[in-house]
Amino acid sequence: MSVITYEKPTARLSLADWFTKQWTERQANEATGADAFVLRHDARQLRNETRIRTDWDTRLNDARLADRVTETDHWRQRLEACAARIDGEMALLADEKFSTEKQIDAMSIPFNVMSECISMRDNRLPAELTNDDADAELKKELCVAENRKRALIERCHAAWEKINKLNEVRFKLSVDIGDKREAIEIDANQLATHKNCAEISHKLDPLRIVKGSHSHATWLEHSRQLKQAADDELADTLKLREALFVARERARNDMAAQRDRVDFVLRRRIFETQKARNEAEWQRAKTGDEMAKLEREIAALEEALRDKMAAAKLAETRLENRSYRPGFELATDEPERGLKEEVLRLRQTAGELRDKIDCAKTTYNALEERMVAIDHDLAGKNQSMTTDVRCLDLRARLRQGEFAGPPTQTDRNIQLTRMEKEIPAE
């Protein structure tokens, strides 16, 4: 050969295959272009839809934030009005509490007089230390004063508790008002924030449920309950202030009525003491007879107890001796059951007799004490009358000073209707 040629050692394509390959590539390019066109159309549509949806979502959330700020501010104003009312009621209630405490302090004079009267009457001879009407009325007067003082103290304590509750509600209102103010500020700041602000950024987990968060219904119910609690406390405060005034007036009236009752009973007791001497002598004779009869009855009971103890010893001895029967003779027979029942009945009877003896001895001791008291009583009548007269003189202090009352009925009406501030000063 004149020329040496070199060819690749690969298979050659036929012309038909080459044309087929070109047609296949053209079809693939056209399909890819069509897919790209559809993708660009879908992308454009998606961009438009997402832009519109995002704009509307932002507008709606701005409206929601604005409504939320308005709602929160509305509740803040209502709670601030409640807080102002609570401050006023607390001041009025504190004044009523101070007036009640002042009257409680003034009650020391009646208590001193009552204590001196009771102590003075307690200095009577032992025979005259009886539970008469004067003692009962004096103690009743002390109970009335104690009850009225206790009622005033309870009212003061109730007022103190009410002030504490009002302070607690006021504190809750202050906290809630502060929270609402802070929430309004935060929501207002968020309302003013837009997508071109510099301080916005992606957050780690913005869709998380924040710990301690509540639903809107829970928030609304909490605000309503707080407002209702404040209204309830304010309604109770007015009733409590009226109750404090009523308690003070009732204390004055009850103590005045009981004071007159005690004075009357003391005067009647002085008259009755003169008649009590014969009654005491008759009681002494009667008590002596009862003591003698009771002494004989105690001796009879002790004799009956000794008889029952002997019978019990007999029954227990029989039971113990029958326990030594041999073999099958040691049977639970009728005699054994009868002896056991007898022992139980004797023990019960002995217990009843001992109880009755103790009761009889207690009664005898009481009669003996009464006999001694009657003997001393006969020697102390004159001293008792002198003591009661001195008590009447001492009780004149209860009609002076703070407890003398208004000088005229007009002054009393002015005091009851609280018209002092309406009447101009002279």
Protein backbone atom coordinates (compact mmCIF):
# COMPACT_ATOMS: atom_id res chain seq x y z
CA MET A 1 0.00 0.00 0.00
CA SER A 2 1.14 3.50 -0.72
CA VAL A 3 -0.45 5.04 2.46
CA ILE A 4 -0.73 3.62 5.90
CA THR A 5 -4.03 4.52 7.64
CA TYR A 6 -4.97 4.24 11.30
CA GLU A 7 -8.57 3.68 12.57
CA LYS A 8 -9.99 3.45 16.06
CA PRO A 9 -10.70 -0.07 17.07
CA THR A 10 -14.36 0.66 17.85
CA ALA A 11 -17.58 -0.18 16.13
CA ARG A 12 -18.80 2.37 13.66
CA LEU A 13 -22.42 3.74 13.66
CA SER A 14 -24.53 3.48 10.64
CA LEU A 15 -25.97 6.63 9.13
CA ALA A 16 -29.47 5.57 10.14
CA ASP A 17 -28.36 5.22 13.78
CA TRP A 18 -26.77 8.64 13.66
CA PHE A 19 -29.99 10.26 12.44
CA THR A 20 -31.92 8.38 15.07
CA LYS A 21 -29.62 9.69 17.79
CA GLN A 22 -30.04 13.27 16.56
CA TRP A 23 -33.81 12.90 16.60
CA THR A 24 -33.76 11.46 20.12
CA GLU A 25 -31.64 14.33 21.46
CA ARG A 26 -33.96 16.87 19.82
CA GLN A 27 -36.99 15.28 21.45
CA ALA A 28 -35.26 15.27 24.85
CA ASN A 29 -34.33 18.96 24.52
CA GLU A 30 -37.89 19.89 23.56
CA ALA A 31 -39.32 17.93 26.54
CA THR A 32 -36.85 19.57 28.91
CA GLY A 33 -37.74 23.01 27.55
CA ALA A 34 -41.45 22.31 28.01
CA ASP A 35 -40.82 21.21 31.58
CA ALA A 36 -38.80 24.38 32.21
CA PHE A 37 -41.67 26.49 30.81
CA VAL A 38 -44.20 24.80 33.09
CA LEU A 39 -41.84 25.19 36.06
CA ARG A 40 -41.33 28.91 35.36
CA HIS A 41 -45.09 29.40 35.09
CA ASP A 42 -45.74 27.52 38.36
CA ALA A 43 -42.95 29.40 40.11
CA ARG A 44 -44.34 32.77 38.99
CA GLN A 45 -47.82 31.75 40.18
CA LEU A 46 -46.42 30.50 43.52
CA ARG A 47 -44.49 33.75 44.02
CA ASN A 48 -47.60 35.81 43.43
CA GLU A 49 -49.80 33.66 45.68
CA THR A 50 -47.27 33.59 48.53
CA ARG A 51 -46.71 37.34 48.29
CA ILE A 52 -50.46 38.02 48.46
CA ARG A 53 -50.96 35.51 51.30
CA THR A 54 -48.03 36.92 53.26
CA ASP A 55 -49.29 40.49 52.85
CA TRP A 56 -52.78 39.52 54.00
CA ASP A 57 -51.41 37.49 56.91
CA THR A 58 -49.35 40.49 58.00
CA ARG A 59 -52.35 42.82 57.69
CA LEU A 60 -54.61 40.44 59.61
CA ASN A 61 -52.04 39.95 62.36
CA ASP A 62 -51.57 43.73 62.57
CA ALA A 63 -55.34 44.05 63.03
CA ARG A 64 -55.31 41.29 65.63
CA LEU A 65 -52.47 42.99 67.51
CA ALA A 66 -54.33 46.31 67.40
CA ASP A 67 -57.52 44.65 68.70
CA ARG A 68 -55.53 42.90 71.40
CA VAL A 69 -53.94 46.17 72.51
CA THR A 70 -57.39 47.79 72.65
CA GLU A 71 -58.89 44.89 74.63
CA THR A 72 -56.00 44.75 77.08
CA ASP A 73 -56.11 48.52 77.59
CA HIS A 74 -59.87 48.32 78.21
CA TRP A 75 -59.38 45.75 80.99
CA ARG A 76 -56.47 47.78 82.36
CA GLN A 77 -58.72 50.83 82.74
CA ARG A 78 -61.44 48.79 84.45
CA LEU A 79 -58.97 47.25 86.88
CA GLU A 80 -57.40 50.64 87.61
CA ALA A 81 -60.87 51.99 88.47
CA CYS A 82 -61.36 49.04 90.86
CA ALA A 83 -57.96 49.72 92.42
CA ALA A 84 -58.91 53.35 93.05
CA ARG A 85 -62.19 52.29 94.70
CA ILE A 86 -60.33 49.79 96.86
CA ASP A 87 -57.95 52.51 98.05
CA GLY A 88 -60.90 54.68 99.10
CA GLU A 89 -62.69 51.83 100.90
CA MET A 90 -59.52 50.85 102.71
CA ALA A 91 -59.18 54.39 104.08
CA LEU A 92 -62.82 54.45 105.28
CA LEU A 93 -62.54 50.98 106.80
CA ALA A 94 -59.33 51.96 108.59
CA ASP A 95 -61.18 54.92 110.17
CA GLU A 96 -64.00 52.66 111.37
CA LYS A 97 -61.47 50.20 112.74
CA PHE A 98 -59.71 53.00 114.63
CA SER A 99 -63.00 54.16 116.21
CA THR A 100 -63.80 50.60 117.27
CA GLU A 101 -60.34 50.09 118.76
CA LYS A 102 -60.76 53.35 120.64
CA GLN A 103 -63.98 52.07 122.21
CA ILE A 104 -62.29 48.77 123.08
CA ASP A 105 -59.59 50.69 124.93
CA ALA A 106 -62.25 52.72 126.76
CA MET A 107 -63.87 49.51 128.04
CA SER A 108 -61.03 49.09 130.51
CA ILE A 109 -62.91 51.32 133.00
CA PRO A 110 -66.03 49.08 133.17
CA PHE A 111 -63.84 46.02 133.43
CA ASN A 112 -61.94 47.56 136.34
CA VAL A 113 -65.21 48.44 138.11
CA MET A 114 -66.62 44.96 137.51
CA SER A 115 -63.42 43.36 138.72
CA GLU A 116 -63.42 45.50 141.86
CA CYS A 117 -67.08 44.68 142.54
CA ILE A 118 -66.53 40.97 142.07
CA SER A 119 -63.38 41.07 144.20
CA MET A 120 -65.15 43.11 146.88
CA ARG A 121 -68.06 40.69 147.03
CA ASP A 122 -65.55 37.86 147.02
CA ASN A 123 -64.14 39.28 150.29
CA ARG A 124 -67.33 38.34 152.10
CA LEU A 125 -67.04 35.68 154.73
CA PRO A 126 -67.01 32.16 153.29
CA ALA A 127 -70.55 31.59 154.50
CA GLU A 128 -71.73 34.48 152.29
CA LEU A 129 -69.91 33.38 149.14
CA THR A 130 -73.11 32.15 147.53
CA ASN A 131 -74.12 32.12 143.92
CA ASP A 132 -76.86 34.73 144.34
CA ASP A 133 -78.52 36.92 141.77
CA ALA A 134 -76.07 39.71 142.36
CA ASP A 135 -73.14 37.41 141.59
CA ALA A 136 -74.97 36.05 138.57
CA GLU A 137 -75.79 39.51 137.27
CA LEU A 138 -72.29 40.78 137.95
CA LYS A 139 -70.83 37.83 136.12
CA LYS A 140 -73.44 38.24 133.44
CA GLU A 141 -72.44 41.88 133.17
CA LEU A 142 -68.85 40.75 132.86
CA CYS A 143 -69.93 38.21 130.23
CA VAL A 144 -71.91 40.89 128.40
CA ALA A 145 -68.90 43.19 128.47
CA GLU A 146 -66.64 40.32 127.42
CA ASN A 147 -69.03 39.33 124.65
CA ARG A 148 -69.36 42.89 123.44
CA LYS A 149 -65.61 43.36 123.65
CA ARG A 150 -65.10 40.05 121.91
CA ALA A 151 -67.61 41.11 119.26
CA LEU A 152 -65.78 44.40 118.82
CA ILE A 153 -62.45 42.59 118.68
CA GLU A 154 -63.89 40.13 116.17
CA ARG A 155 -65.17 43.03 114.12
CA CYS A 156 -61.77 44.68 114.34
CA HIS A 157 -60.15 41.41 113.40
CA ALA A 158 -62.62 41.04 110.54
CA ALA A 159 -61.78 44.59 109.48
CA TRP A 160 -58.08 43.76 109.73
CA GLU A 161 -58.63 40.63 107.66
CA LYS A 162 -60.74 42.61 105.21
CA ILE A 163 -57.98 45.22 104.92
CA ASN A 164 -55.52 42.41 104.33
CA LYS A 165 -57.81 40.92 101.69
CA LEU A 166 -58.21 44.33 100.12
CA ASN A 167 -54.43 44.72 100.18
CA GLU A 168 -54.10 41.28 98.64
CA VAL A 169 -56.65 42.09 95.94
CA ARG A 170 -55.00 45.48 95.49
CA PHE A 171 -51.64 43.77 95.09
CA LYS A 172 -53.09 41.32 92.57
CA LEU A 173 -54.66 44.22 90.72
CA SER A 174 -51.37 46.09 90.74
CA VAL A 175 -49.52 43.05 89.44
CA ASP A 176 -52.15 42.39 86.77
CA ILE A 177 -52.28 46.08 85.78
CA GLY A 178 -48.50 46.11 85.52
CA ASP A 179 -48.57 42.94 83.44
CA LYS A 180 -51.20 44.43 81.17
CA ARG A 181 -49.20 47.63 80.76
CA GLU A 182 -46.14 45.60 79.87
CA ALA A 183 -48.18 43.44 77.50
CA ILE A 184 -49.64 46.55 75.85
CA GLU A 185 -46.14 47.95 75.39
CA ILE A 186 -44.87 44.68 73.94
CA ASP A 187 -47.84 44.32 71.57
CA ALA A 188 -47.57 47.98 70.53
CA ASN A 189 -43.88 47.47 69.76
CA GLN A 190 -44.72 44.37 67.73
CA LEU A 191 -47.41 46.33 65.90
CA ALA A 192 -44.84 48.97 64.98
CA THR A 193 -42.33 46.35 63.78
CA HIS A 194 -42.22 45.54 60.05
CA LYS A 195 -40.16 43.30 57.78
CA ASN A 196 -37.62 45.99 57.00
CA CYS A 197 -36.68 46.59 60.65
CA ALA A 198 -33.11 45.95 61.64
CA GLU A 199 -33.83 44.05 64.84
CA ILE A 200 -35.75 41.16 63.31
CA SER A 201 -34.06 37.76 62.87
CA HIS A 202 -34.75 34.05 62.66
CA LYS A 203 -35.39 32.39 66.01
CA LEU A 204 -34.47 28.95 67.21
CA ASP A 205 -37.98 27.59 67.83
CA PRO A 206 -40.65 30.26 67.36
CA LEU A 207 -43.50 27.72 67.10
CA ARG A 208 -42.90 26.21 70.53
CA ILE A 209 -45.58 26.36 73.22
CA VAL A 210 -44.17 28.85 75.70
CA LYS A 211 -44.06 27.50 79.26
CA GLY A 212 -46.73 29.12 81.42
CA SER A 213 -48.82 30.34 78.49
CA HIS A 214 -52.62 30.36 78.68
CA SER A 215 -55.48 30.45 76.25
CA HIS A 216 -57.35 33.67 75.53
CA ALA A 217 -60.44 32.27 77.28
CA THR A 218 -58.34 31.59 80.39
CA TRP A 219 -56.91 35.11 80.26
CA LEU A 220 -60.37 36.62 79.89
CA GLU A 221 -61.76 34.49 82.73
CA HIS A 222 -58.83 35.51 84.96
CA SER A 223 -59.50 39.20 84.29
CA ARG A 224 -63.22 38.74 84.97
CA GLN A 225 -62.58 36.81 88.17
CA LEU A 226 -60.12 39.44 89.39
CA LYS A 227 -62.64 42.18 88.64
CA GLN A 228 -65.43 40.18 90.31
CA ALA A 229 -63.25 39.50 93.37
CA ALA A 230 -62.55 43.21 93.70
CA ASP A 231 -66.27 44.05 93.37
CA ASP A 232 -67.19 41.41 95.97
CA GLU A 233 -64.61 42.72 98.43
CA LEU A 234 -65.86 46.27 97.92
CA ALA A 235 -69.47 45.18 98.53
CA ASP A 236 -68.44 43.36 101.73
CA THR A 237 -66.45 46.35 102.94
CA LEU A 238 -69.53 48.59 103.12
CA LYS A 239 -71.40 45.94 105.13
CA LEU A 240 -68.42 45.53 107.43
CA ARG A 241 -68.18 49.26 108.08
CA GLU A 242 -71.86 49.32 108.99
CA ALA A 243 -71.35 46.24 111.17
CA LEU A 244 -68.56 48.01 113.06
CA PHE A 245 -70.83 50.96 113.83
CA VAL A 246 -73.71 48.67 114.87
CA ALA A 247 -71.37 46.66 117.10
CA ARG A 248 -70.19 49.79 118.91
CA GLU A 249 -73.74 51.03 119.52
CA ARG A 250 -74.90 47.57 120.62
CA ALA A 251 -72.03 47.37 123.07
CA ARG A 252 -73.02 50.71 124.60
CA ASN A 253 -76.71 49.78 124.83
CA ASP A 254 -76.18 46.27 126.19
CA MET A 255 -73.70 47.42 128.82
CA ALA A 256 -76.01 50.26 129.92
CA ALA A 257 -78.99 47.87 130.22
CA GLN A 258 -76.96 45.31 132.14
CA ARG A 259 -75.54 48.04 134.39
CA ASP A 260 -79.06 49.05 135.46
CA ARG A 261 -79.97 45.41 135.95
CA VAL A 262 -76.96 44.80 138.23
CA ASP A 263 -77.73 47.89 140.31
CA PHE A 264 -81.30 46.71 140.82
CA VAL A 265 -80.23 43.20 141.76
CA LEU A 266 -77.66 44.49 144.24
CA ARG A 267 -80.32 46.59 146.00
CA ARG A 268 -82.67 43.61 146.05
CA ARG A 269 -79.88 41.39 147.37
CA ILE A 270 -79.32 43.71 150.31
CA PHE A 271 -82.97 43.27 151.25
CA GLU A 272 -82.94 39.51 150.69
CA THR A 273 -79.85 38.98 152.86
CA GLN A 274 -81.82 39.94 155.94
CA LYS A 275 -84.36 37.23 155.19
CA ALA A 276 -81.75 34.57 154.41
CA ARG A 277 -80.70 33.94 158.03
CA ASN A 278 -83.75 31.82 158.91
CA GLU A 279 -83.47 29.98 155.64
CA ALA A 280 -79.84 29.14 156.40
CA GLU A 281 -80.75 27.73 159.80
CA TRP A 282 -83.44 25.54 158.26
CA GLN A 283 -81.00 24.35 155.61
CA ARG A 284 -78.48 23.48 158.31
CA ALA A 285 -80.97 21.24 160.13
CA LYS A 286 -82.10 19.61 156.91
CA THR A 287 -78.52 19.02 155.79
CA GLY A 288 -77.69 17.37 159.13
CA ASP A 289 -80.58 14.91 158.71
CA GLU A 290 -79.49 14.07 155.19
CA MET A 291 -75.93 13.45 156.34
CA ALA A 292 -77.08 11.02 159.00
CA LYS A 293 -79.27 9.11 156.58
CA LEU A 294 -76.55 9.00 153.98
CA GLU A 295 -74.00 7.78 156.51
CA ARG A 296 -76.27 4.86 157.42
CA GLU A 297 -76.78 4.07 153.74
CA ILE A 298 -73.01 4.02 153.13
CA ALA A 299 -72.55 1.55 155.99
CA ALA A 300 -75.27 -0.69 154.53
CA LEU A 301 -73.63 -0.56 151.07
CA GLU A 302 -70.23 -1.50 152.51
CA GLU A 303 -71.79 -4.42 154.38
CA ALA A 304 -73.46 -5.62 151.16
CA LEU A 305 -70.10 -5.34 149.35
CA ARG A 306 -68.39 -7.50 151.98
CA ASP A 307 -71.15 -10.10 151.63
CA LYS A 308 -70.66 -10.17 147.83
CA MET A 309 -66.90 -10.57 148.24
CA ALA A 310 -67.40 -13.64 150.43
CA ALA A 311 -69.76 -15.18 147.88
CA ALA A 312 -67.24 -14.43 145.11
CA LYS A 313 -64.47 -16.18 147.06
CA LEU A 314 -66.70 -19.26 147.44
CA ALA A 315 -67.52 -19.42 143.71
CA GLU A 316 -63.90 -18.88 142.63
CA THR A 317 -62.66 -21.54 145.08
CA ARG A 318 -65.16 -24.08 143.72
CA LEU A 319 -64.06 -23.35 140.15
CA GLU A 320 -60.38 -23.69 141.04
CA ASN A 321 -60.88 -26.97 142.95
CA ARG A 322 -62.95 -28.51 140.12
CA SER A 323 -60.10 -27.76 137.68
CA TYR A 324 -58.14 -30.66 139.27
CA ARG A 325 -60.58 -33.38 138.14
CA PRO A 326 -58.69 -36.25 136.44
CA GLY A 327 -58.87 -37.38 132.80
CA PHE A 328 -62.17 -37.22 131.00
CA GLU A 329 -63.83 -36.10 134.21
CA LEU A 330 -62.49 -32.61 133.44
CA ALA A 331 -65.56 -31.76 131.41
CA THR A 332 -67.33 -28.45 130.87
CA ASP A 333 -70.57 -29.33 132.59
CA GLU A 334 -73.49 -27.36 133.92
CA PRO A 335 -71.94 -26.75 137.37
CA GLU A 336 -68.87 -25.15 135.75
CA ARG A 337 -70.96 -22.91 133.52
CA GLY A 338 -73.14 -21.93 136.43
CA LEU A 339 -70.15 -21.15 138.66
CA LYS A 340 -68.57 -18.98 135.95
CA GLU A 341 -71.81 -17.08 135.45
CA GLU A 342 -72.03 -16.61 139.21
CA VAL A 343 -68.48 -15.22 139.36
CA LEU A 344 -69.19 -12.77 136.54
CA ARG A 345 -72.43 -11.60 138.13
CA LEU A 346 -70.74 -11.19 141.51
CA ARG A 347 -67.94 -9.11 139.98
CA GLN A 348 -70.46 -6.92 138.17
CA THR A 349 -72.49 -6.52 141.36
CA ALA A 350 -69.38 -5.64 143.37
CA GLY A 351 -68.42 -3.01 140.80
CA GLU A 352 -71.87 -1.47 140.95
CA LEU A 353 -71.73 -1.40 144.74
CA ARG A 354 -68.28 0.26 144.70
CA ASP A 355 -69.51 2.90 142.26
CA LYS A 356 -72.54 3.56 144.42
CA ILE A 357 -70.38 3.78 147.57
CA ASP A 358 -68.06 6.29 145.85
CA CYS A 359 -71.04 8.31 144.73
CA ALA A 360 -72.56 8.24 148.21
CA LYS A 361 -69.28 9.29 149.83
CA THR A 362 -68.93 12.11 147.32
CA THR A 363 -72.45 13.25 148.15
CA TYR A 364 -71.72 12.99 151.86
CA ASN A 365 -68.58 15.10 151.46
CA ALA A 366 -70.59 17.65 149.53
CA LEU A 367 -73.19 17.78 152.29
CA GLU A 368 -70.43 18.18 154.84
CA GLU A 369 -68.97 21.05 152.87
CA ARG A 370 -72.39 22.67 152.62
CA MET A 371 -72.77 22.34 156.39
CA VAL A 372 -69.52 24.20 156.92
CA ALA A 373 -70.57 26.84 154.40
CA ILE A 374 -73.92 27.32 156.14
CA ASP A 375 -72.21 27.76 159.51
CA HIS A 376 -70.00 30.48 158.10
CA ASP A 377 -72.94 32.00 156.23
CA LEU A 378 -74.87 32.66 159.44
CA ALA A 379 -71.97 34.74 160.78
CA GLY A 380 -71.43 36.80 157.62
CA LYS A 381 -74.77 38.38 156.77
CA ASN A 382 -73.95 41.84 158.07
CA GLN A 383 -70.60 41.89 156.33
CA SER A 384 -72.29 40.81 153.09
CA MET A 385 -74.78 43.69 153.21
CA THR A 386 -71.99 46.19 153.83
CA THR A 387 -70.10 44.81 150.84
CA ASP A 388 -73.11 45.16 148.55
CA VAL A 389 -73.63 48.78 149.62
CA ARG A 390 -70.00 49.55 148.85
CA CYS A 391 -70.42 47.88 145.44
CA LEU A 392 -73.34 50.20 144.67
CA ASP A 393 -71.22 53.21 145.58
CA LEU A 394 -68.36 51.93 143.44
CA ARG A 395 -70.58 51.37 140.42
CA ALA A 396 -71.40 55.07 140.25
CA ARG A 397 -68.23 55.42 138.17
CA LEU A 398 -69.99 53.59 135.32
CA ARG A 399 -72.25 56.62 134.79
CA GLN A 400 -69.44 59.10 134.33
CA GLY A 401 -66.95 60.07 131.64
CA GLU A 402 -66.95 58.07 128.42
CA PHE A 403 -69.98 56.00 129.43
CA ALA A 404 -72.18 58.88 130.58
CA GLY A 405 -73.59 59.20 127.05
CA PRO A 406 -74.67 62.37 125.23
CA PRO A 407 -76.12 65.02 127.55
CA THR A 408 -79.31 65.42 125.48
CA GLN A 409 -81.36 63.31 123.11
CA THR A 410 -80.59 65.74 120.29
CA ASP A 411 -76.89 65.15 120.78
CA ARG A 412 -77.50 61.41 120.75
CA ASN A 413 -79.50 61.67 117.49
CA ILE A 414 -76.69 63.71 115.94
CA GLN A 415 -74.21 61.06 117.02
CA LEU A 416 -76.33 58.17 115.70
CA THR A 417 -76.97 59.81 112.34
CA ARG A 418 -73.36 60.95 112.01
CA MET A 419 -74.30 64.55 111.36
CA GLU A 420 -71.27 66.04 113.12
CA LYS A 421 -69.61 66.98 109.83
CA GLU A 422 -72.81 68.53 108.47
CA ILE A 423 -73.30 70.93 111.38
CA PRO A 424 -71.15 74.08 111.07
CA ALA A 425 -68.78 74.86 113.90
CA GLU A 426 -69.80 77.61 116.27
